[in-house]
Amino acid sequence: MDKQNLKDLLKQLHEGLQDAETVDVELRSLLEALDKDIVQVLSRDDTAGDPIFTALSERSQALSAQFAAQHPKLEPVLRELGGMLEKIGV
C-alpha cells in the first residue's frame, strides 16, 4: 500500500474544499469524518488487508456521488480515493 498516495489525495481534497465557494454543512461534516477515519487508519503500522478500508471505500464512493453534482472538480479526487481504499482492502 502506498500511504503517501492516499495522503496526497487527502491533501488535494483539502485544497479543493478550501477553493470551493460553498459546501453543504452536512457534506462537509461527512468529508471531515471520512478524512479523520482515513488518517487514523493510516497512522497504524499494520494496515494490509484491514477490512476497514472496504467501509472507507464505500463511504468515499457515496460522497463522490453526492459531490458529482455540486462540485464536479472535487468528485474525481473522491472517486480515486475510494478506488485506492478498495484496492487496499482486497
PDB file of N, CA and C in Angstrom:
ATOM      1  N   MET A   1       0.847  -1.184   0.000  1.00  0.00           N
ATOM      2  CA  MET A   1       0.000   0.000   0.000  1.00  0.00           C
ATOM      3  C   MET A   1       0.881   1.231   0.000  1.00  0.00           C
ATOM      4  N   ASP A   2       0.504   2.220  -0.748  1.00  0.00           N
ATOM      5  CA  ASP A   2       1.254   3.451  -0.789  1.00  0.00           C
ATOM      6  C   ASP A   2       0.506   4.508   0.029  1.00  0.00           C
ATOM      7  N   LYS A   3       0.895   4.618   1.280  1.00  0.00           N
ATOM      8  CA  LYS A   3       0.242   5.585   2.168  1.00  0.00           C
ATOM      9  C   LYS A   3       0.426   7.006   1.665  1.00  0.00           C
ATOM     10  N   GLN A   4       1.566   7.261   1.036  1.00  0.00           N
ATOM     11  CA  GLN A   4       1.830   8.618   0.547  1.00  0.00           C
ATOM     12  C   GLN A   4       0.822   9.033  -0.515  1.00  0.00           C
ATOM     13  N   ASN A   5       0.430   8.111  -1.394  1.00  0.00           N
ATOM     14  CA  ASN A   5      -0.578   8.437  -2.410  1.00  0.00           C
ATOM     15  C   ASN A   5      -1.910   8.818  -1.763  1.00  0.00           C
ATOM     16  N   LEU A   6      -2.292   8.074  -0.732  1.00  0.00           N
ATOM     17  CA  LEU A   6      -3.537   8.404  -0.024  1.00  0.00           C
ATOM     18  C   LEU A   6      -3.427   9.770   0.638  1.00  0.00           C
ATOM     19  N   LYS A   7      -2.293  10.032   1.256  1.00  0.00           N
ATOM     20  CA  LYS A   7      -2.091  11.334   1.906  1.00  0.00           C
ATOM     21  C   LYS A   7      -2.130  12.454   0.874  1.00  0.00           C
ATOM     22  N   ASP A   8      -1.541  12.216  -0.288  1.00  0.00           N
ATOM     23  CA  ASP A   8      -1.561  13.224  -1.350  1.00  0.00           C
ATOM     24  C   ASP A   8      -2.992  13.502  -1.823  1.00  0.00           C
ATOM     25  N   LEU A   9      -3.785  12.441  -1.953  1.00  0.00           N
ATOM     26  CA  LEU A   9      -5.186  12.627  -2.353  1.00  0.00           C
ATOM     27  C   LEU A   9      -5.967  13.394  -1.298  1.00  0.00           C
ATOM     28  N   LEU A  10      -5.716  13.086  -0.042  1.00  0.00           N
ATOM     29  CA  LEU A  10      -6.397  13.823   1.031  1.00  0.00           C
ATOM     30  C   LEU A  10      -6.008  15.302   0.990  1.00  0.00           C
ATOM     31  N   LYS A  11      -4.741  15.560   0.702  1.00  0.00           N
ATOM     32  CA  LYS A  11      -4.273  16.950   0.597  1.00  0.00           C
ATOM     33  C   LYS A  11      -4.990  17.658  -0.556  1.00  0.00           C
ATOM     34  N   GLN A  12      -5.110  16.968  -1.709  1.00  0.00           N
ATOM     35  CA  GLN A  12      -5.828  17.547  -2.853  1.00  0.00           C
ATOM     36  C   GLN A  12      -7.270  17.859  -2.491  1.00  0.00           C
ATOM     37  N   LEU A  13      -7.878  16.954  -1.752  1.00  0.00           N
ATOM     38  CA  LEU A  13      -9.263  17.153  -1.348  1.00  0.00           C
ATOM     39  C   LEU A  13      -9.386  18.373  -0.435  1.00  0.00           C
ATOM     40  N   HIS A  14      -8.481  18.490   0.524  1.00  0.00           N
ATOM     41  CA  HIS A  14      -8.497  19.649   1.426  1.00  0.00           C
ATOM     42  C   HIS A  14      -8.325  20.953   0.645  1.00  0.00           C
ATOM     43  N   GLU A  15      -7.387  20.962  -0.284  1.00  0.00           N
ATOM     44  CA  GLU A  15      -7.151  22.166  -1.086  1.00  0.00           C
ATOM     45  C   GLU A  15      -8.372  22.495  -1.931  1.00  0.00           C
ATOM     46  N   GLY A  16      -8.986  21.480  -2.501  1.00  0.00           N
ATOM     47  CA  GLY A  16     -10.181  21.695  -3.304  1.00  0.00           C
ATOM     48  C   GLY A  16     -11.336  22.227  -2.482  1.00  0.00           C
ATOM     49  N   LEU A  17     -11.461  21.740  -1.265  1.00  0.00           N
ATOM     50  CA  LEU A  17     -12.532  22.216  -0.391  1.00  0.00           C
ATOM     51  C   LEU A  17     -12.311  23.669  -0.004  1.00  0.00           C
ATOM     52  N   GLN A  18     -11.062  24.053   0.197  1.00  0.00           N
ATOM     53  CA  GLN A  18     -10.770  25.443   0.534  1.00  0.00           C
ATOM     54  C   GLN A  18     -11.113  26.365  -0.631  1.00  0.00           C
ATOM     55  N   ASP A  19     -10.913  25.882  -1.851  1.00  0.00           N
ATOM     56  CA  ASP A  19     -11.200  26.682  -3.035  1.00  0.00           C
ATOM     57  C   ASP A  19     -12.681  26.707  -3.390  1.00  0.00           C
ATOM     58  N   ALA A  20     -13.419  25.703  -2.921  1.00  0.00           N
ATOM     59  CA  ALA A  20     -14.851  25.631  -3.238  1.00  0.00           C
ATOM     60  C   ALA A  20     -15.577  26.776  -2.541  1.00  0.00           C
ATOM     61  N   GLU A  21     -16.463  27.402  -3.273  1.00  0.00           N
ATOM     62  CA  GLU A  21     -17.190  28.536  -2.712  1.00  0.00           C
ATOM     63  C   GLU A  21     -18.157  28.106  -1.617  1.00  0.00           C
ATOM     64  N   THR A  22     -18.932  27.082  -1.899  1.00  0.00           N
ATOM     65  CA  THR A  22     -19.886  26.611  -0.903  1.00  0.00           C
ATOM     66  C   THR A  22     -19.890  25.091  -0.878  1.00  0.00           C
ATOM     67  N   VAL A  23     -19.861  24.571   0.315  1.00  0.00           N
ATOM     68  CA  VAL A  23     -20.003  23.137   0.513  1.00  0.00           C
ATOM     69  C   VAL A  23     -21.052  22.961   1.601  1.00  0.00           C
ATOM     70  N   ASP A  24     -22.052  22.172   1.293  1.00  0.00           N
ATOM     71  CA  ASP A  24     -23.122  21.889   2.234  1.00  0.00           C
ATOM     72  C   ASP A  24     -22.535  21.480   3.579  1.00  0.00           C
ATOM     73  N   VAL A  25     -23.096  21.981   4.674  1.00  0.00           N
ATOM     74  CA  VAL A  25     -22.596  21.714   6.022  1.00  0.00           C
ATOM     75  C   VAL A  25     -22.584  20.211   6.314  1.00  0.00           C
ATOM     76  N   GLU A  26     -23.645  19.524   5.945  1.00  0.00           N
ATOM     77  CA  GLU A  26     -23.725  18.080   6.187  1.00  0.00           C
ATOM     78  C   GLU A  26     -22.655  17.335   5.382  1.00  0.00           C
ATOM     79  N   LEU A  27     -22.479  17.719   4.131  1.00  0.00           N
ATOM     80  CA  LEU A  27     -21.482  17.088   3.282  1.00  0.00           C
ATOM     81  C   LEU A  27     -20.071  17.348   3.801  1.00  0.00           C
ATOM     82  N   ARG A  28     -19.815  18.565   4.236  1.00  0.00           N
ATOM     83  CA  ARG A  28     -18.509  18.892   4.806  1.00  0.00           C
ATOM     84  C   ARG A  28     -18.251  18.048   6.057  1.00  0.00           C
ATOM     85  N   SER A  29     -19.261  17.878   6.877  1.00  0.00           N
ATOM     86  CA  SER A  29     -19.125  17.067   8.079  1.00  0.00           C
ATOM     87  C   SER A  29     -18.798  15.613   7.746  1.00  0.00           C
ATOM     88  N   LEU A  30     -19.476  15.081   6.736  1.00  0.00           N
ATOM     89  CA  LEU A  30     -19.213  13.702   6.308  1.00  0.00           C
ATOM     90  C   LEU A  30     -17.791  13.555   5.765  1.00  0.00           C
ATOM     91  N   LEU A  31     -17.344  14.547   5.010  1.00  0.00           N
ATOM     92  CA  LEU A  31     -15.982  14.521   4.478  1.00  0.00           C
ATOM     93  C   LEU A  31     -14.942  14.604   5.595  1.00  0.00           C
ATOM     94  N   GLU A  32     -15.204  15.449   6.573  1.00  0.00           N
ATOM     95  CA  GLU A  32     -14.272  15.575   7.697  1.00  0.00           C
ATOM     96  C   GLU A  32     -14.190  14.277   8.487  1.00  0.00           C
ATOM     97  N   ALA A  33     -15.324  13.613   8.678  1.00  0.00           N
ATOM     98  CA  ALA A  33     -15.330  12.336   9.391  1.00  0.00           C
ATOM     99  C   ALA A  33     -14.566  11.273   8.604  1.00  0.00           C
ATOM    100  N   LEU A  34     -14.770  11.232   7.293  1.00  0.00           N
ATOM    101  CA  LEU A  34     -14.043  10.288   6.443  1.00  0.00           C
ATOM    102  C   LEU A  34     -12.548  10.557   6.517  1.00  0.00           C
ATOM    103  N   ASP A  35     -12.175  11.812   6.406  1.00  0.00           N
ATOM    104  CA  ASP A  35     -10.770  12.199   6.481  1.00  0.00           C
ATOM    105  C   ASP A  35     -10.150  11.764   7.808  1.00  0.00           C
ATOM    106  N   LYS A  36     -10.833  12.028   8.880  1.00  0.00           N
ATOM    107  CA  LYS A  36     -10.348  11.652  10.219  1.00  0.00           C
ATOM    108  C   LYS A  36     -10.143  10.143  10.316  1.00  0.00           C
ATOM    109  N   ASP A  37     -11.097   9.377   9.815  1.00  0.00           N
ATOM    110  CA  ASP A  37     -11.000   7.913   9.871  1.00  0.00           C
ATOM    111  C   ASP A  37      -9.842   7.392   9.023  1.00  0.00           C
ATOM    112  N   ILE A  38      -9.653   7.983   7.840  1.00  0.00           N
ATOM    113  CA  ILE A  38      -8.549   7.560   6.974  1.00  0.00           C
ATOM    114  C   ILE A  38      -7.213   7.869   7.628  1.00  0.00           C
ATOM    115  N   VAL A  39      -7.076   9.056   8.175  1.00  0.00           N
ATOM    116  CA  VAL A  39      -5.823   9.441   8.844  1.00  0.00           C
ATOM    117  C   VAL A  39      -5.552   8.504  10.014  1.00  0.00           C
ATOM    118  N   GLN A  40      -6.581   8.161  10.772  1.00  0.00           N
ATOM    119  CA  GLN A  40      -6.421   7.261  11.917  1.00  0.00           C
ATOM    120  C   GLN A  40      -5.939   5.887  11.461  1.00  0.00           C
ATOM    121  N   VAL A  41      -6.530   5.358  10.401  1.00  0.00           N
ATOM    122  CA  VAL A  41      -6.134   4.042   9.894  1.00  0.00           C
ATOM    123  C   VAL A  41      -4.713   4.090   9.338  1.00  0.00           C
ATOM    124  N   LEU A  42      -4.386   5.157   8.646  1.00  0.00           N
ATOM    125  CA  LEU A  42      -3.043   5.271   8.068  1.00  0.00           C
ATOM    126  C   LEU A  42      -1.958   5.415   9.128  1.00  0.00           C
ATOM    127  N   SER A  43      -2.329   5.852  10.311  1.00  0.00           N
ATOM    128  CA  SER A  43      -1.332   6.014  11.367  1.00  0.00           C
ATOM    129  C   SER A  43      -0.921   4.681  11.981  1.00  0.00           C
ATOM    130  N   ARG A  44      -1.688   3.623  11.697  1.00  0.00           N
ATOM    131  CA  ARG A  44      -1.330   2.295  12.201  1.00  0.00           C
ATOM    132  C   ARG A  44      -0.211   1.704  11.372  1.00  0.00           C
ATOM    133  N   ASP A  45       0.565   0.835  12.002  1.00  0.00           N
ATOM    134  CA  ASP A  45       1.667   0.177  11.295  1.00  0.00           C
ATOM    135  C   ASP A  45       1.175  -0.932  10.384  1.00  0.00           C
ATOM    136  N   ASP A  46       0.255  -1.752  10.865  1.00  0.00           N
ATOM    137  CA  ASP A  46      -0.200  -2.916  10.095  1.00  0.00           C
ATOM    138  C   ASP A  46      -1.595  -2.670   9.559  1.00  0.00           C
ATOM    139  N   THR A  47      -1.678  -2.206   8.299  1.00  0.00           N
ATOM    140  CA  THR A  47      -2.984  -1.919   7.706  1.00  0.00           C
ATOM    141  C   THR A  47      -3.319  -2.838   6.543  1.00  0.00           C
ATOM    142  N   ALA A  48      -2.366  -3.672   6.157  1.00  0.00           N
ATOM    143  CA  ALA A  48      -2.573  -4.544   4.992  1.00  0.00           C
ATOM    144  C   ALA A  48      -3.786  -5.443   5.203  1.00  0.00           C
ATOM    145  N   GLY A  49      -4.719  -5.401   4.250  1.00  0.00           N
ATOM    146  CA  GLY A  49      -5.897  -6.257   4.299  1.00  0.00           C
ATOM    147  C   GLY A  49      -6.906  -5.887   5.372  1.00  0.00           C
ATOM    148  N   ASP A  50      -6.776  -4.716   5.967  1.00  0.00           N
ATOM    149  CA  ASP A  50      -7.691  -4.292   7.026  1.00  0.00           C
ATOM    150  C   ASP A  50      -9.085  -4.086   6.436  1.00  0.00           C
ATOM    151  N   PRO A  51     -10.118  -4.766   6.972  1.00  0.00           N
ATOM    152  CA  PRO A  51     -11.472  -4.643   6.411  1.00  0.00           C
ATOM    153  C   PRO A  51     -12.049  -3.239   6.525  1.00  0.00           C
ATOM    154  N   ILE A  52     -11.469  -2.406   7.363  1.00  0.00           N
ATOM    155  CA  ILE A  52     -11.986  -1.039   7.492  1.00  0.00           C
ATOM    156  C   ILE A  52     -11.868  -0.284   6.175  1.00  0.00           C
ATOM    157  N   PHE A  53     -10.891  -0.675   5.309  1.00  0.00           N
ATOM    158  CA  PHE A  53     -10.732   0.008   4.037  1.00  0.00           C
ATOM    159  C   PHE A  53     -11.945  -0.193   3.138  1.00  0.00           C
ATOM    160  N   THR A  54     -12.608  -1.329   3.247  1.00  0.00           N
ATOM    161  CA  THR A  54     -13.813  -1.567   2.457  1.00  0.00           C
ATOM    162  C   THR A  54     -14.899  -0.571   2.852  1.00  0.00           C
ATOM    163  N   ALA A  55     -15.086  -0.404   4.156  1.00  0.00           N
ATOM    164  CA  ALA A  55     -16.092   0.543   4.643  1.00  0.00           C
ATOM    165  C   ALA A  55     -15.719   1.977   4.254  1.00  0.00           C
ATOM    166  N   LEU A  56     -14.436   2.317   4.368  1.00  0.00           N
ATOM    167  CA  LEU A  56     -14.000   3.661   3.995  1.00  0.00           C
ATOM    168  C   LEU A  56     -14.177   3.885   2.498  1.00  0.00           C
ATOM    169  N   SER A  57     -13.911   2.864   1.716  1.00  0.00           N
ATOM    170  CA  SER A  57     -14.096   2.958   0.270  1.00  0.00           C
ATOM    171  C   SER A  57     -15.558   3.211  -0.078  1.00  0.00           C
ATOM    172  N   GLU A  58     -16.449   2.484   0.558  1.00  0.00           N
ATOM    173  CA  GLU A  58     -17.882   2.650   0.302  1.00  0.00           C
ATOM    174  C   GLU A  58     -18.339   4.056   0.684  1.00  0.00           C
ATOM    175  N   ARG A  59     -17.856   4.550   1.815  1.00  0.00           N
ATOM    176  CA  ARG A  59     -18.218   5.907   2.232  1.00  0.00           C
ATOM    177  C   ARG A  59     -17.689   6.940   1.246  1.00  0.00           C
ATOM    178  N   SER A  60     -16.463   6.730   0.798  1.00  0.00           N
ATOM    179  CA  SER A  60     -15.860   7.650  -0.160  1.00  0.00           C
ATOM    180  C   SER A  60     -16.645   7.666  -1.468  1.00  0.00           C
ATOM    181  N   GLN A  61     -17.052   6.498  -1.933  1.00  0.00           N
ATOM    182  CA  GLN A  61     -17.813   6.414  -3.183  1.00  0.00           C
ATOM    183  C   GLN A  61     -19.187   7.068  -3.047  1.00  0.00           C
ATOM    184  N   ALA A  62     -19.815   6.914  -1.904  1.00  0.00           N
ATOM    185  CA  ALA A  62     -21.111   7.549  -1.675  1.00  0.00           C
ATOM    186  C   ALA A  62     -20.967   9.077  -1.670  1.00  0.00           C
ATOM    187  N   LEU A  63     -19.907   9.571  -1.038  1.00  0.00           N
ATOM    188  CA  LEU A  63     -19.666  11.006  -1.029  1.00  0.00           C
ATOM    189  C   LEU A  63     -19.321  11.509  -2.430  1.00  0.00           C
ATOM    190  N   SER A  64     -18.619  10.691  -3.179  1.00  0.00           N
ATOM    191  CA  SER A  64     -18.270  11.046  -4.552  1.00  0.00           C
ATOM    192  C   SER A  64     -19.529  11.277  -5.371  1.00  0.00           C
ATOM    193  N   ALA A  65     -20.511  10.423  -5.189  1.00  0.00           N
ATOM    194  CA  ALA A  65     -21.774  10.569  -5.917  1.00  0.00           C
ATOM    195  C   ALA A  65     -22.473  11.874  -5.541  1.00  0.00           C
ATOM    196  N   GLN A  66     -22.440  12.231  -4.262  1.00  0.00           N
ATOM    197  CA  GLN A  66     -23.054  13.483  -3.826  1.00  0.00           C
ATOM    198  C   GLN A  66     -22.294  14.688  -4.383  1.00  0.00           C
ATOM    199  N   PHE A  67     -20.980  14.575  -4.437  1.00  0.00           N
ATOM    200  CA  PHE A  67     -20.153  15.671  -4.911  1.00  0.00           C
ATOM    201  C   PHE A  67     -20.266  15.884  -6.409  1.00  0.00           C
ATOM    202  N   ALA A  68     -20.586  14.844  -7.146  1.00  0.00           N
ATOM    203  CA  ALA A  68     -20.605  14.914  -8.608  1.00  0.00           C
ATOM    204  C   ALA A  68     -21.454  16.075  -9.107  1.00  0.00           C
ATOM    205  N   ALA A  69     -22.581  16.285  -8.499  1.00  0.00           N
ATOM    206  CA  ALA A  69     -23.477  17.340  -8.947  1.00  0.00           C
ATOM    207  C   ALA A  69     -23.058  18.719  -8.441  1.00  0.00           C
ATOM    208  N   GLN A  70     -22.672  18.786  -7.166  1.00  0.00           N
ATOM    209  CA  GLN A  70     -22.371  20.081  -6.558  1.00  0.00           C
ATOM    210  C   GLN A  70     -20.960  20.585  -6.852  1.00  0.00           C
ATOM    211  N   HIS A  71     -19.996  19.669  -6.882  1.00  0.00           N
ATOM    212  CA  HIS A  71     -18.590  20.060  -7.019  1.00  0.00           C
ATOM    213  C   HIS A  71     -17.874  19.107  -7.978  1.00  0.00           C
ATOM    214  N   PRO A  72     -18.150  19.241  -9.258  1.00  0.00           N
ATOM    215  CA  PRO A  72     -17.587  18.296 -10.228  1.00  0.00           C
ATOM    216  C   PRO A  72     -16.057  18.262 -10.263  1.00  0.00           C
ATOM    217  N   LYS A  73     -15.386  19.325  -9.835  1.00  0.00           N
ATOM    218  CA  LYS A  73     -13.923  19.329  -9.838  1.00  0.00           C
ATOM    219  C   LYS A  73     -13.350  18.463  -8.716  1.00  0.00           C
ATOM    220  N   LEU A  74     -14.075  18.309  -7.625  1.00  0.00           N
ATOM    221  CA  LEU A  74     -13.598  17.518  -6.488  1.00  0.00           C
ATOM    222  C   LEU A  74     -14.005  16.052  -6.585  1.00  0.00           C
ATOM    223  N   GLU A  75     -15.035  15.769  -7.335  1.00  0.00           N
ATOM    224  CA  GLU A  75     -15.544  14.399  -7.430  1.00  0.00           C
ATOM    225  C   GLU A  75     -14.492  13.392  -7.901  1.00  0.00           C
ATOM    226  N   PRO A  76     -13.657  13.716  -8.888  1.00  0.00           N
ATOM    227  CA  PRO A  76     -12.649  12.724  -9.309  1.00  0.00           C
ATOM    228  C   PRO A  76     -11.654  12.361  -8.200  1.00  0.00           C
ATOM    229  N   VAL A  77     -11.336  13.318  -7.344  1.00  0.00           N
ATOM    230  CA  VAL A  77     -10.409  13.037  -6.243  1.00  0.00           C
ATOM    231  C   VAL A  77     -11.043  12.042  -5.288  1.00  0.00           C
ATOM    232  N   LEU A  78     -12.301  12.256  -4.965  1.00  0.00           N
ATOM    233  CA  LEU A  78     -13.001  11.323  -4.078  1.00  0.00           C
ATOM    234  C   LEU A  78     -13.146   9.946  -4.716  1.00  0.00           C
ATOM    235  N   ARG A  79     -13.407   9.921  -6.015  1.00  0.00           N
ATOM    236  CA  ARG A  79     -13.541   8.644  -6.712  1.00  0.00           C
ATOM    237  C   ARG A  79     -12.217   7.879  -6.686  1.00  0.00           C
ATOM    238  N   GLU A  80     -11.119   8.585  -6.939  1.00  0.00           N
ATOM    239  CA  GLU A  80      -9.807   7.948  -6.912  1.00  0.00           C
ATOM    240  C   GLU A  80      -9.449   7.480  -5.506  1.00  0.00           C
ATOM    241  N   LEU A  81      -9.794   8.283  -4.520  1.00  0.00           N
ATOM    242  CA  LEU A  81      -9.557   7.902  -3.124  1.00  0.00           C
ATOM    243  C   LEU A  81     -10.315   6.623  -2.794  1.00  0.00           C
ATOM    244  N   GLY A  82     -11.578   6.543  -3.201  1.00  0.00           N
ATOM    245  CA  GLY A  82     -12.371   5.338  -2.966  1.00  0.00           C
ATOM    246  C   GLY A  82     -11.780   4.129  -3.653  1.00  0.00           C
ATOM    247  N   GLY A  83     -11.293   4.315  -4.872  1.00  0.00           N
ATOM    248  CA  GLY A  83     -10.665   3.214  -5.604  1.00  0.00           C
ATOM    249  C   GLY A  83      -9.410   2.705  -4.914  1.00  0.00           C
ATOM    250  N   MET A  84      -8.597   3.635  -4.419  1.00  0.00           N
ATOM    251  CA  MET A  84      -7.377   3.235  -3.708  1.00  0.00           C
ATOM    252  C   MET A  84      -7.706   2.478  -2.433  1.00  0.00           C
ATOM    253  N   LEU A  85      -8.701   2.972  -1.705  1.00  0.00           N
ATOM    254  CA  LEU A  85      -9.104   2.314  -0.467  1.00  0.00           C
ATOM    255  C   LEU A  85      -9.635   0.914  -0.751  1.00  0.00           C
ATOM    256  N   GLU A  86     -10.373   0.795  -1.848  1.00  0.00           N
ATOM    257  CA  GLU A  86     -10.925  -0.504  -2.236  1.00  0.00           C
ATOM    258  C   GLU A  86      -9.804  -1.496  -2.553  1.00  0.00           C
ATOM    259  N   LYS A  87      -8.791  -1.044  -3.284  1.00  0.00           N
ATOM    260  CA  LYS A  87      -7.664  -1.902  -3.621  1.00  0.00           C
ATOM    261  C   LYS A  87      -6.893  -2.350  -2.372  1.00  0.00           C
ATOM    262  N   ILE A  88      -6.768  -1.453  -1.426  1.00  0.00           N
ATOM    263  CA  ILE A  88      -6.051  -1.774  -0.192  1.00  0.00           C
ATOM    264  C   ILE A  88      -6.808  -2.822   0.614  1.00  0.00           C
ATOM    265  N   GLY A  89      -8.134  -2.734   0.599  1.00  0.00           N
ATOM    266  CA  GLY A  89      -8.956  -3.647   1.383  1.00  0.00           C
ATOM    267  C   GLY A  89      -9.041  -5.047   0.809  1.00  0.00           C
ATOM    268  N   VAL A  90      -8.597  -5.240  -0.430  1.00  0.00           N
ATOM    269  CA  VAL A  90      -8.683  -6.548  -1.084  1.00  0.00           C
ATOM    270  C   VAL A  90      -7.690  -7.498  -0.461  1.00  0.00           C
TER     271      VAL A  90
END
